[in-house]
Amino acid sequence: MQHSKANIRYARALYDLAEEYGQNEQVYHQMSLLRDFFAEAKQVRAWMSSPVIPVALKKQTLANLFQGCLDGLSVRFLNLIVEKNRSADVYGIVHDYVDLYRKKKGMARVVVGTPRLLSEAENKAFEDWIAKNLPEAKVEMTNKVSPDLLGGFTMRVGWQFVDCSVAGRLHKLRKELLSGDTLKRTF
């Protein structure tokens, strides 16, 4: 995804307006919902980018898609983006807003990938470990179920990635064996 200056300006404007109205937390949750939706719905993003689709139809479609999920400031902001012919940039703007909010609030997003949903005890263990290792940040943890993982877990904290999965460990072992370092140590 591209971070254009225009996208960042729109995100900052929304942040400042939400701050002014005291709705930043509410708008943040709604923009997070939009970001997750547009990350998965690539066909909707392509449809929104089409210059052939009339503005009124795009606005009506967004209203129907997010009825009951978005309100007030978020709806007006989405309508403004569409009216200004920036609907192709909606995902980037929403993504930049979420990043800006997290940065301003000192938040860190942690995504834990597991082969199945974490139990309460496992979730608590991850939260405790994160609180111990990231004491200065407010952490927003998400458990992403990845059925392709055989066991173990992966963790993404910002731009850092930790692979403690079975596949990751096997890959590391394979690299060591192929490099010959392991063989030199045994003889």
N, C-alpha and C. Protein backbone atom coordinates (compact mmCIF):
# COMPACT_ATOMS: atom_id res chain seq x y z
N MET A 1 0.84 -1.18 0.00
CA MET A 1 0.00 0.00 0.00
C MET A 1 0.88 1.24 0.00
N GLN A 2 0.42 2.24 -0.74
CA GLN A 2 1.19 3.46 -0.90
C GLN A 2 0.70 4.53 0.07
N HIS A 3 1.64 5.18 0.74
CA HIS A 3 1.30 6.27 1.66
C HIS A 3 1.52 7.58 0.93
N SER A 4 0.47 8.13 0.31
CA SER A 4 0.62 9.39 -0.41
C SER A 4 0.42 10.55 0.55
N LYS A 5 0.92 11.71 0.14
CA LYS A 5 0.77 12.91 0.98
C LYS A 5 -0.70 13.27 1.15
N ALA A 6 -1.48 13.08 0.09
CA ALA A 6 -2.91 13.39 0.17
C ALA A 6 -3.61 12.47 1.17
N ASN A 7 -3.28 11.18 1.14
CA ASN A 7 -3.88 10.24 2.09
C ASN A 7 -3.57 10.65 3.52
N ILE A 8 -2.32 11.02 3.76
CA ILE A 8 -1.91 11.42 5.11
C ILE A 8 -2.62 12.71 5.53
N ARG A 9 -2.81 13.64 4.59
CA ARG A 9 -3.52 14.88 4.91
C ARG A 9 -4.97 14.60 5.30
N TYR A 10 -5.63 13.73 4.53
CA TYR A 10 -7.01 13.37 4.87
C TYR A 10 -7.07 12.68 6.23
N ALA A 11 -6.13 11.79 6.50
CA ALA A 11 -6.11 11.08 7.78
C ALA A 11 -5.89 12.06 8.93
N ARG A 12 -4.96 13.00 8.75
CA ARG A 12 -4.72 14.01 9.80
C ARG A 12 -5.94 14.89 10.02
N ALA A 13 -6.61 15.26 8.93
CA ALA A 13 -7.80 16.10 9.06
C ALA A 13 -8.88 15.37 9.85
N LEU A 14 -9.08 14.10 9.56
CA LEU A 14 -10.06 13.32 10.30
C LEU A 14 -9.65 13.19 11.76
N TYR A 15 -8.37 12.94 12.02
CA TYR A 15 -7.89 12.82 13.40
C TYR A 15 -8.16 14.12 14.17
N ASP A 16 -7.79 15.26 13.57
CA ASP A 16 -7.96 16.55 14.23
C ASP A 16 -9.44 16.86 14.48
N LEU A 17 -10.28 16.55 13.50
CA LEU A 17 -11.71 16.80 13.65
C LEU A 17 -12.32 15.90 14.73
N ALA A 18 -11.94 14.63 14.73
CA ALA A 18 -12.44 13.71 15.76
C ALA A 18 -11.95 14.12 17.14
N GLU A 19 -10.72 14.60 17.21
CA GLU A 19 -10.18 15.09 18.49
C GLU A 19 -10.96 16.30 18.98
N GLU A 20 -11.26 17.20 18.05
CA GLU A 20 -12.00 18.41 18.38
C GLU A 20 -13.39 18.08 18.94
N TYR A 21 -14.04 17.08 18.35
CA TYR A 21 -15.38 16.68 18.79
C TYR A 21 -15.35 15.64 19.90
N GLY A 22 -14.18 15.21 20.32
CA GLY A 22 -14.07 14.22 21.39
C GLY A 22 -14.55 12.84 20.98
N GLN A 23 -14.40 12.51 19.68
CA GLN A 23 -14.88 11.24 19.17
C GLN A 23 -13.75 10.38 18.60
N ASN A 24 -12.52 10.66 18.97
CA ASN A 24 -11.40 9.96 18.34
C ASN A 24 -11.42 8.46 18.60
N GLU A 25 -11.76 8.05 19.80
CA GLU A 25 -11.77 6.61 20.09
C GLU A 25 -12.86 5.90 19.29
N GLN A 26 -14.03 6.51 19.22
CA GLN A 26 -15.13 5.94 18.44
C GLN A 26 -14.77 5.88 16.97
N VAL A 27 -14.21 6.95 16.43
CA VAL A 27 -13.81 6.99 15.02
C VAL A 27 -12.70 5.98 14.77
N TYR A 28 -11.79 5.84 15.73
CA TYR A 28 -10.70 4.87 15.58
C TYR A 28 -11.26 3.45 15.40
N HIS A 29 -12.21 3.07 16.22
CA HIS A 29 -12.78 1.73 16.12
C HIS A 29 -13.50 1.54 14.78
N GLN A 30 -14.18 2.58 14.33
CA GLN A 30 -14.88 2.49 13.05
C GLN A 30 -13.90 2.44 11.88
N MET A 31 -12.83 3.22 11.95
CA MET A 31 -11.82 3.19 10.88
C MET A 31 -11.06 1.87 10.90
N SER A 32 -10.86 1.28 12.07
CA SER A 32 -10.23 -0.04 12.15
C SER A 32 -11.09 -1.08 11.47
N LEU A 33 -12.40 -0.98 11.68
CA LEU A 33 -13.33 -1.88 11.01
C LEU A 33 -13.25 -1.72 9.49
N LEU A 34 -13.21 -0.46 9.03
CA LEU A 34 -13.09 -0.20 7.59
C LEU A 34 -11.78 -0.72 7.03
N ARG A 35 -10.71 -0.50 7.78
CA ARG A 35 -9.40 -0.96 7.31
C ARG A 35 -9.38 -2.48 7.15
N ASP A 36 -9.90 -3.19 8.13
CA ASP A 36 -9.96 -4.64 8.04
C ASP A 36 -10.84 -5.10 6.89
N PHE A 37 -11.97 -4.41 6.69
CA PHE A 37 -12.86 -4.77 5.60
C PHE A 37 -12.18 -4.56 4.25
N PHE A 38 -11.60 -3.38 4.04
CA PHE A 38 -10.99 -3.08 2.75
C PHE A 38 -9.72 -3.89 2.51
N ALA A 39 -9.05 -4.33 3.56
CA ALA A 39 -7.87 -5.19 3.40
C ALA A 39 -8.28 -6.52 2.78
N GLU A 40 -9.44 -7.02 3.16
CA GLU A 40 -9.91 -8.31 2.66
C GLU A 40 -10.71 -8.19 1.36
N ALA A 41 -11.46 -7.12 1.20
CA ALA A 41 -12.38 -6.97 0.07
C ALA A 41 -11.72 -6.23 -1.08
N LYS A 42 -10.83 -6.91 -1.77
CA LYS A 42 -10.10 -6.28 -2.87
C LYS A 42 -11.02 -5.94 -4.04
N GLN A 43 -12.07 -6.73 -4.25
CA GLN A 43 -13.00 -6.43 -5.34
C GLN A 43 -13.77 -5.13 -5.06
N VAL A 44 -14.11 -4.90 -3.80
CA VAL A 44 -14.80 -3.67 -3.45
C VAL A 44 -13.87 -2.48 -3.65
N ARG A 45 -12.60 -2.64 -3.29
CA ARG A 45 -11.63 -1.56 -3.52
C ARG A 45 -11.50 -1.26 -5.01
N ALA A 46 -11.46 -2.30 -5.83
CA ALA A 46 -11.36 -2.11 -7.28
C ALA A 46 -12.61 -1.41 -7.81
N TRP A 47 -13.79 -1.81 -7.30
CA TRP A 47 -15.04 -1.20 -7.71
C TRP A 47 -15.06 0.28 -7.31
N MET A 48 -14.58 0.57 -6.10
CA MET A 48 -14.54 1.96 -5.63
C MET A 48 -13.58 2.81 -6.47
N SER A 49 -12.55 2.19 -7.01
CA SER A 49 -11.55 2.91 -7.80
C SER A 49 -12.03 3.23 -9.21
N SER A 50 -13.08 2.57 -9.65
CA SER A 50 -13.55 2.75 -11.02
C SER A 50 -14.13 4.15 -11.24
N PRO A 51 -13.60 4.87 -12.23
CA PRO A 51 -14.14 6.19 -12.53
C PRO A 51 -15.50 6.13 -13.25
N VAL A 52 -15.89 4.96 -13.71
CA VAL A 52 -17.15 4.78 -14.44
C VAL A 52 -18.34 4.75 -13.48
N ILE A 53 -18.13 4.29 -12.26
CA ILE A 53 -19.21 4.18 -11.27
C ILE A 53 -19.55 5.58 -10.77
N PRO A 54 -20.83 5.98 -10.82
CA PRO A 54 -21.22 7.32 -10.36
C PRO A 54 -21.01 7.50 -8.85
N VAL A 55 -20.71 8.72 -8.47
CA VAL A 55 -20.46 9.06 -7.06
C VAL A 55 -21.66 8.70 -6.20
N ALA A 56 -22.85 8.99 -6.67
CA ALA A 56 -24.06 8.70 -5.88
C ALA A 56 -24.20 7.21 -5.60
N LEU A 57 -23.86 6.37 -6.57
CA LEU A 57 -23.94 4.92 -6.38
C LEU A 57 -22.89 4.45 -5.37
N LYS A 58 -21.70 5.03 -5.43
CA LYS A 58 -20.64 4.67 -4.47
C LYS A 58 -21.07 5.04 -3.05
N LYS A 59 -21.64 6.24 -2.89
CA LYS A 59 -22.08 6.68 -1.56
C LYS A 59 -23.19 5.79 -1.03
N GLN A 60 -24.14 5.45 -1.89
CA GLN A 60 -25.25 4.60 -1.47
C GLN A 60 -24.77 3.20 -1.11
N THR A 61 -23.83 2.68 -1.89
CA THR A 61 -23.29 1.34 -1.60
C THR A 61 -22.57 1.32 -0.27
N LEU A 62 -21.75 2.34 -0.01
CA LEU A 62 -21.05 2.42 1.29
C LEU A 62 -22.05 2.53 2.43
N ALA A 63 -23.09 3.33 2.24
CA ALA A 63 -24.12 3.49 3.28
C ALA A 63 -24.79 2.15 3.57
N ASN A 64 -25.09 1.39 2.51
CA ASN A 64 -25.72 0.09 2.69
C ASN A 64 -24.78 -0.93 3.33
N LEU A 65 -23.51 -0.91 2.91
CA LEU A 65 -22.54 -1.86 3.45
C LEU A 65 -22.30 -1.66 4.94
N PHE A 66 -22.23 -0.41 5.36
CA PHE A 66 -21.81 -0.11 6.74
C PHE A 66 -22.94 0.45 7.60
N GLN A 67 -24.17 0.24 7.18
CA GLN A 67 -25.31 0.70 7.97
C GLN A 67 -25.30 0.03 9.33
N GLY A 68 -25.34 0.81 10.37
CA GLY A 68 -25.32 0.28 11.73
C GLY A 68 -23.92 0.11 12.30
N CYS A 69 -22.90 0.15 11.44
CA CYS A 69 -21.51 0.00 11.90
C CYS A 69 -20.81 1.35 12.02
N LEU A 70 -21.18 2.26 11.15
CA LEU A 70 -20.58 3.59 11.13
C LEU A 70 -21.64 4.62 11.44
N ASP A 71 -21.23 5.71 12.05
CA ASP A 71 -22.17 6.78 12.30
C ASP A 71 -21.49 8.13 12.23
N GLY A 72 -22.28 9.18 12.23
CA GLY A 72 -21.85 10.55 12.31
C GLY A 72 -20.64 10.94 11.50
N LEU A 73 -19.57 11.22 12.21
CA LEU A 73 -18.35 11.74 11.61
C LEU A 73 -17.75 10.78 10.59
N SER A 74 -17.77 9.50 10.86
CA SER A 74 -17.19 8.51 9.94
C SER A 74 -17.96 8.47 8.62
N VAL A 75 -19.28 8.51 8.69
CA VAL A 75 -20.11 8.49 7.48
C VAL A 75 -19.88 9.76 6.67
N ARG A 76 -19.88 10.91 7.35
CA ARG A 76 -19.65 12.18 6.64
C ARG A 76 -18.27 12.20 5.99
N PHE A 77 -17.29 11.63 6.69
CA PHE A 77 -15.94 11.60 6.14
C PHE A 77 -15.87 10.71 4.90
N LEU A 78 -16.48 9.54 4.95
CA LEU A 78 -16.49 8.65 3.78
C LEU A 78 -17.19 9.32 2.60
N ASN A 79 -18.30 10.00 2.87
CA ASN A 79 -18.99 10.71 1.79
C ASN A 79 -18.12 11.80 1.19
N LEU A 80 -17.38 12.50 2.02
CA LEU A 80 -16.47 13.54 1.53
C LEU A 80 -15.39 12.94 0.62
N ILE A 81 -14.83 11.82 1.04
CA ILE A 81 -13.80 11.16 0.24
C ILE A 81 -14.34 10.79 -1.14
N VAL A 82 -15.55 10.26 -1.16
CA VAL A 82 -16.16 9.87 -2.44
C VAL A 82 -16.47 11.11 -3.28
N GLU A 83 -17.02 12.15 -2.66
CA GLU A 83 -17.35 13.38 -3.39
C GLU A 83 -16.12 14.05 -3.98
N LYS A 84 -15.00 13.95 -3.30
CA LYS A 84 -13.76 14.56 -3.78
C LYS A 84 -13.00 13.65 -4.75
N ASN A 85 -13.67 12.60 -5.22
CA ASN A 85 -13.08 11.64 -6.16
C ASN A 85 -11.81 10.99 -5.61
N ARG A 86 -11.83 10.70 -4.34
CA ARG A 86 -10.72 10.02 -3.68
C ARG A 86 -11.12 8.62 -3.24
N SER A 87 -12.18 8.08 -3.81
CA SER A 87 -12.66 6.77 -3.38
C SER A 87 -11.63 5.67 -3.65
N ALA A 88 -10.76 5.86 -4.62
CA ALA A 88 -9.70 4.89 -4.89
C ALA A 88 -8.69 4.86 -3.74
N ASP A 89 -8.65 5.95 -2.97
CA ASP A 89 -7.67 6.07 -1.88
C ASP A 89 -8.25 5.77 -0.51
N VAL A 90 -9.51 5.33 -0.45
CA VAL A 90 -10.17 5.16 0.84
C VAL A 90 -9.41 4.20 1.74
N TYR A 91 -8.89 3.09 1.20
CA TYR A 91 -8.16 2.14 2.04
C TYR A 91 -6.89 2.78 2.59
N GLY A 92 -6.16 3.49 1.77
CA GLY A 92 -4.93 4.15 2.22
C GLY A 92 -5.20 5.21 3.27
N ILE A 93 -6.26 5.97 3.09
CA ILE A 93 -6.60 7.03 4.05
C ILE A 93 -6.98 6.42 5.39
N VAL A 94 -7.82 5.40 5.35
CA VAL A 94 -8.26 4.73 6.57
C VAL A 94 -7.07 4.09 7.27
N HIS A 95 -6.20 3.45 6.51
CA HIS A 95 -5.00 2.81 7.07
C HIS A 95 -4.10 3.86 7.73
N ASP A 96 -3.90 4.99 7.06
CA ASP A 96 -3.07 6.06 7.62
C ASP A 96 -3.69 6.66 8.88
N TYR A 97 -5.02 6.76 8.93
CA TYR A 97 -5.68 7.25 10.13
C TYR A 97 -5.42 6.32 11.31
N VAL A 98 -5.59 5.03 11.09
CA VAL A 98 -5.39 4.05 12.17
C VAL A 98 -3.94 4.12 12.66
N ASP A 99 -2.99 4.19 11.73
CA ASP A 99 -1.58 4.31 12.12
C ASP A 99 -1.32 5.59 12.91
N LEU A 100 -1.89 6.70 12.45
CA LEU A 100 -1.71 7.98 13.13
C LEU A 100 -2.29 7.94 14.54
N TYR A 101 -3.49 7.39 14.68
CA TYR A 101 -4.13 7.28 15.99
C TYR A 101 -3.25 6.47 16.95
N ARG A 102 -2.79 5.32 16.47
CA ARG A 102 -1.95 4.47 17.33
C ARG A 102 -0.67 5.18 17.73
N LYS A 103 -0.07 5.89 16.80
CA LYS A 103 1.18 6.61 17.10
C LYS A 103 0.92 7.70 18.14
N LYS A 104 -0.14 8.47 17.95
CA LYS A 104 -0.46 9.56 18.89
C LYS A 104 -0.82 9.04 20.28
N LYS A 105 -1.43 7.88 20.35
CA LYS A 105 -1.87 7.31 21.63
C LYS A 105 -0.83 6.36 22.23
N GLY A 106 0.31 6.16 21.54
CA GLY A 106 1.35 5.27 22.07
C GLY A 106 0.93 3.81 22.08
N MET A 107 0.19 3.41 21.06
CA MET A 107 -0.32 2.04 20.99
C MET A 107 0.56 1.18 20.09
N ALA A 108 0.62 -0.09 20.43
CA ALA A 108 1.32 -1.07 19.60
C ALA A 108 0.32 -2.17 19.24
N ARG A 109 0.32 -2.57 17.98
CA ARG A 109 -0.57 -3.65 17.55
C ARG A 109 0.23 -4.94 17.49
N VAL A 110 -0.29 -5.95 18.14
CA VAL A 110 0.35 -7.26 18.15
C VAL A 110 -0.64 -8.25 17.54
N VAL A 111 -0.17 -8.96 16.51
CA VAL A 111 -0.99 -9.98 15.87
C VAL A 111 -0.33 -11.32 16.13
N VAL A 112 -1.04 -12.20 16.83
CA VAL A 112 -0.53 -13.53 17.15
C VAL A 112 -1.24 -14.52 16.23
N GLY A 113 -0.46 -15.22 15.42
CA GLY A 113 -1.02 -16.24 14.54
C GLY A 113 -0.88 -17.61 15.18
N THR A 114 -1.98 -18.33 15.26
CA THR A 114 -1.99 -19.66 15.86
C THR A 114 -2.83 -20.59 14.99
N PRO A 115 -2.62 -21.91 15.12
CA PRO A 115 -3.42 -22.84 14.32
C PRO A 115 -4.88 -22.92 14.76
N ARG A 116 -5.17 -22.48 15.98
CA ARG A 116 -6.54 -22.47 16.49
C ARG A 116 -6.69 -21.25 17.39
N LEU A 117 -7.91 -20.94 17.73
CA LEU A 117 -8.19 -19.81 18.59
C LEU A 117 -7.56 -20.04 19.97
N LEU A 118 -6.94 -19.01 20.53
CA LEU A 118 -6.31 -19.13 21.84
C LEU A 118 -7.35 -19.29 22.95
N SER A 119 -7.02 -20.11 23.94
CA SER A 119 -7.89 -20.23 25.12
C SER A 119 -7.67 -18.98 25.98
N GLU A 120 -8.50 -18.83 27.00
CA GLU A 120 -8.36 -17.67 27.89
C GLU A 120 -7.00 -17.68 28.58
N ALA A 121 -6.54 -18.84 29.02
CA ALA A 121 -5.25 -18.94 29.70
C ALA A 121 -4.10 -18.59 28.76
N GLU A 122 -4.18 -19.09 27.52
CA GLU A 122 -3.12 -18.79 26.54
C GLU A 122 -3.14 -17.31 26.18
N ASN A 123 -4.33 -16.77 26.02
CA ASN A 123 -4.47 -15.35 25.71
C ASN A 123 -3.87 -14.50 26.83
N LYS A 124 -4.16 -14.88 28.07
CA LYS A 124 -3.62 -14.17 29.24
C LYS A 124 -2.10 -14.27 29.27
N ALA A 125 -1.55 -15.45 28.94
CA ALA A 125 -0.10 -15.62 28.93
C ALA A 125 0.56 -14.71 27.91
N PHE A 126 -0.04 -14.60 26.72
CA PHE A 126 0.50 -13.69 25.70
C PHE A 126 0.41 -12.24 26.16
N GLU A 127 -0.72 -11.87 26.74
CA GLU A 127 -0.91 -10.50 27.22
C GLU A 127 0.10 -10.16 28.31
N ASP A 128 0.36 -11.10 29.23
CA ASP A 128 1.35 -10.88 30.28
C ASP A 128 2.75 -10.72 29.69
N TRP A 129 3.10 -11.57 28.74
CA TRP A 129 4.42 -11.49 28.10
C TRP A 129 4.58 -10.16 27.38
N ILE A 130 3.53 -9.74 26.69
CA ILE A 130 3.57 -8.47 25.94
C ILE A 130 3.68 -7.30 26.91
N ALA A 131 2.92 -7.31 27.99
CA ALA A 131 2.97 -6.23 28.98
C ALA A 131 4.36 -6.14 29.61
N LYS A 132 5.00 -7.30 29.82
CA LYS A 132 6.35 -7.32 30.41
C LYS A 132 7.39 -6.78 29.43
N ASN A 133 7.25 -7.12 28.13
CA ASN A 133 8.26 -6.75 27.15
C ASN A 133 7.98 -5.43 26.44
N LEU A 134 6.76 -4.93 26.52
CA LEU A 134 6.41 -3.63 25.95
C LEU A 134 5.71 -2.78 27.01
N PRO A 135 6.38 -2.47 28.11
CA PRO A 135 5.70 -1.81 29.23
C PRO A 135 5.23 -0.39 28.92
N GLU A 136 5.90 0.30 28.00
CA GLU A 136 5.56 1.69 27.73
C GLU A 136 4.41 1.85 26.75
N ALA A 137 4.02 0.78 26.08
CA ALA A 137 2.99 0.88 25.04
C ALA A 137 1.66 0.29 25.50
N LYS A 138 0.60 0.92 25.02
CA LYS A 138 -0.73 0.32 25.16
C LYS A 138 -0.84 -0.68 24.03
N VAL A 139 -1.13 -1.91 24.36
CA VAL A 139 -1.10 -2.96 23.35
C VAL A 139 -2.50 -3.37 22.94
N GLU A 140 -2.67 -3.52 21.66
CA GLU A 140 -3.91 -4.02 21.08
C GLU A 140 -3.57 -5.37 20.45
N MET A 141 -3.95 -6.45 21.12
CA MET A 141 -3.59 -7.79 20.65
C MET A 141 -4.74 -8.43 19.89
N THR A 142 -4.39 -9.05 18.76
CA THR A 142 -5.36 -9.76 17.94
C THR A 142 -4.86 -11.17 17.71
N ASN A 143 -5.73 -12.14 17.86
CA ASN A 143 -5.39 -13.54 17.58
C ASN A 143 -5.92 -13.87 16.19
N LYS A 144 -5.01 -14.16 15.27
CA LYS A 144 -5.39 -14.52 13.91
C LYS A 144 -5.20 -16.02 13.74
N VAL A 145 -6.28 -16.70 13.45
CA VAL A 145 -6.21 -18.15 13.27
C VAL A 145 -5.67 -18.44 11.87
N SER A 146 -4.57 -19.19 11.82
CA SER A 146 -3.92 -19.59 10.57
C SER A 146 -3.89 -21.11 10.53
N PRO A 147 -4.87 -21.75 9.90
CA PRO A 147 -4.94 -23.21 9.90
C PRO A 147 -3.73 -23.87 9.23
N ASP A 148 -2.99 -23.12 8.40
CA ASP A 148 -1.81 -23.70 7.75
C ASP A 148 -0.65 -23.90 8.73
N LEU A 149 -0.72 -23.29 9.92
CA LEU A 149 0.31 -23.53 10.93
C LEU A 149 0.06 -24.90 11.56
N LEU A 150 1.11 -25.71 11.65
CA LEU A 150 0.96 -27.03 12.25
C LEU A 150 0.98 -26.95 13.77
N GLY A 151 1.75 -26.04 14.28
CA GLY A 151 1.89 -25.88 15.72
C GLY A 151 2.73 -24.65 16.00
N GLY A 152 2.79 -24.25 17.23
CA GLY A 152 3.56 -23.06 17.58
C GLY A 152 2.75 -21.81 17.30
N PHE A 153 3.46 -20.69 17.07
CA PHE A 153 2.77 -19.43 16.80
C PHE A 153 3.70 -18.50 16.03
N THR A 154 3.10 -17.48 15.43
CA THR A 154 3.85 -16.37 14.86
C THR A 154 3.35 -15.12 15.55
N MET A 155 4.20 -14.12 15.61
CA MET A 155 3.81 -12.88 16.26
C MET A 155 4.39 -11.70 15.49
N ARG A 156 3.52 -10.74 15.20
CA ARG A 156 3.96 -9.51 14.54
C ARG A 156 3.69 -8.35 15.49
N VAL A 157 4.77 -7.64 15.82
CA VAL A 157 4.67 -6.45 16.66
C VAL A 157 5.20 -5.30 15.82
N GLY A 158 4.29 -4.47 15.34
CA GLY A 158 4.71 -3.41 14.43
C GLY A 158 5.29 -4.03 13.18
N TRP A 159 6.56 -3.72 12.90
CA TRP A 159 7.23 -4.26 11.73
C TRP A 159 8.09 -5.47 12.06
N GLN A 160 8.15 -5.85 13.32
CA GLN A 160 8.95 -7.01 13.72
C GLN A 160 8.11 -8.27 13.64
N PHE A 161 8.76 -9.36 13.21
CA PHE A 161 8.06 -10.63 13.04
C PHE A 161 8.84 -11.72 13.76
N VAL A 162 8.13 -12.48 14.60
CA VAL A 162 8.73 -13.60 15.33
C VAL A 162 8.04 -14.86 14.84
N ASP A 163 8.83 -15.85 14.41
CA ASP A 163 8.26 -17.10 13.91
C ASP A 163 8.67 -18.23 14.83
N CYS A 164 7.77 -18.64 15.69
CA CYS A 164 8.00 -19.77 16.60
C CYS A 164 7.09 -20.93 16.23
N SER A 165 6.80 -21.02 14.93
CA SER A 165 5.95 -22.11 14.46
C SER A 165 6.81 -23.33 14.16
N VAL A 166 6.18 -24.47 14.04
CA VAL A 166 6.89 -25.70 13.69
C VAL A 166 7.56 -25.53 12.34
N ALA A 167 6.83 -24.98 11.38
CA ALA A 167 7.40 -24.78 10.04
C ALA A 167 8.61 -23.84 10.09
N GLY A 168 8.52 -22.79 10.90
CA GLY A 168 9.63 -21.85 11.03
C GLY A 168 10.87 -22.50 11.64
N ARG A 169 10.65 -23.32 12.65
CA ARG A 169 11.77 -24.02 13.29
C ARG A 169 12.40 -25.03 12.35
N LEU A 170 11.57 -25.74 11.57
CA LEU A 170 12.10 -26.70 10.59
C LEU A 170 12.89 -25.97 9.50
N HIS A 171 12.40 -24.83 9.08
CA HIS A 171 13.11 -24.05 8.06
C HIS A 171 14.47 -23.59 8.59
N LYS A 172 14.50 -23.13 9.83
CA LYS A 172 15.76 -22.69 10.44
C LYS A 172 16.74 -23.86 10.56
N LEU A 173 16.25 -25.02 10.98
CA LEU A 173 17.09 -26.21 11.08
C LEU A 173 17.63 -26.61 9.72
N ARG A 174 16.79 -26.56 8.70
CA ARG A 174 17.21 -26.90 7.34
C ARG A 174 18.33 -25.97 6.87
N LYS A 175 18.19 -24.67 7.13
CA LYS A 175 19.22 -23.70 6.75
C LYS A 175 20.54 -24.01 7.44
N GLU A 176 20.46 -24.34 8.73
CA GLU A 176 21.67 -24.67 9.47
C GLU A 176 22.35 -25.91 8.90
N LEU A 177 21.55 -26.92 8.59
CA LEU A 177 22.11 -28.15 8.05
C LEU A 177 22.73 -27.93 6.68
N LEU A 178 22.09 -27.12 5.86
CA LEU A 178 22.62 -26.85 4.53
C LEU A 178 23.85 -25.95 4.54
N SER A 179 23.96 -25.11 5.55
CA SER A 179 25.12 -24.22 5.62
C SER A 179 26.38 -24.95 6.04
N GLY A 180 26.24 -26.09 6.67
CA GLY A 180 27.40 -26.88 7.07
C GLY A 180 27.94 -26.52 8.44
N ASP A 181 27.41 -25.47 9.07
CA ASP A 181 27.89 -25.06 10.40
C ASP A 181 27.65 -26.16 11.43
N THR A 182 26.52 -26.82 11.34
CA THR A 182 26.20 -27.86 12.30
C THR A 182 27.16 -29.04 12.16
N LEU A 183 27.50 -29.39 10.93
CA LEU A 183 28.40 -30.51 10.69
C LEU A 183 29.80 -30.20 11.22
N LYS A 184 30.26 -28.96 11.06
CA LYS A 184 31.60 -28.59 11.52
C LYS A 184 31.69 -28.66 13.04
N ARG A 185 30.59 -28.33 13.74
CA ARG A 185 30.60 -28.35 15.19
C ARG A 185 30.61 -29.77 15.75
N THR A 186 30.06 -30.73 15.02
CA THR A 186 29.99 -32.09 15.55
C THR A 186 31.30 -32.86 15.38
N PHE A 187 32.17 -32.45 14.48
CA PHE A 187 33.43 -33.17 14.28
C PHE A 187 34.59 -32.51 14.92
